[in-house]
Amino acid sequence: MKLLLLRCPVCQSGLQPEDEDIVFLCRDCHTPIFLSEQGVETAEVFYAKPQGNTAGQWLPFWLFEGRVRITTRETQGGVKAAESESEAMWSEPRRLFVPAWDCPLPQARQIGMEMIEKQVVVTAVNRPQNAEMKAAVLTPDDARKLLDFIILTIEAERMDWLTDISFSLEAPPPTLWAIAM
């Protein structure tokens, strides 16, 4: 096994990521760092405060902007209102948020559902001085898998006793956002 000293590509400081960190900030220059199979590189992170939010912790989210297309949706209940809600929700492109930090799955699912359902508006701002983003531990591929689970949960919670569903996501690769929560 070969151990490598990880260095920030901007300031050359030694990096000390936690075991699960994928994207984190350099402790010295605060550059977002992405750890991949290819090594260390800078990451693009957008900072945003949702409307009405004035303070909080900066948490990483993968943001997919695209459309969910439901191809099959079978239920036992036959409640037309729930089916109409589903059709209305997914009829237009949406912002699909996936929490990227290390949090329990039920919490990640709940936060993702709430942000997708509310269609939280985020506007990019310059990185605030001293903004410390929590490290992201999900890769974009893992975020896509969690997004599938979040979409399934949204549909399963409708009041029509969902028995089967198939859908596809039409979206480019996600972007990483640090959102004040």
Foldseek 3Di string as FASTA:
>chain_A
DDDDFAADPPPRDTDDDDPQFQWFARPPPGFIWGQDPVGIDTADAFEWEFPPDDFAAWFKKWKWWFAKFWPDWDFDQPDVVLVVVVCVLRVDIAIQIFGFADDDLVVRLVVRLVCGVVRTDIDTDPPDPPRGYHGGRDDLVRSVVSSVVSVVVVSCPRPGGIDDIDIDTDTDGTGMYTYGD
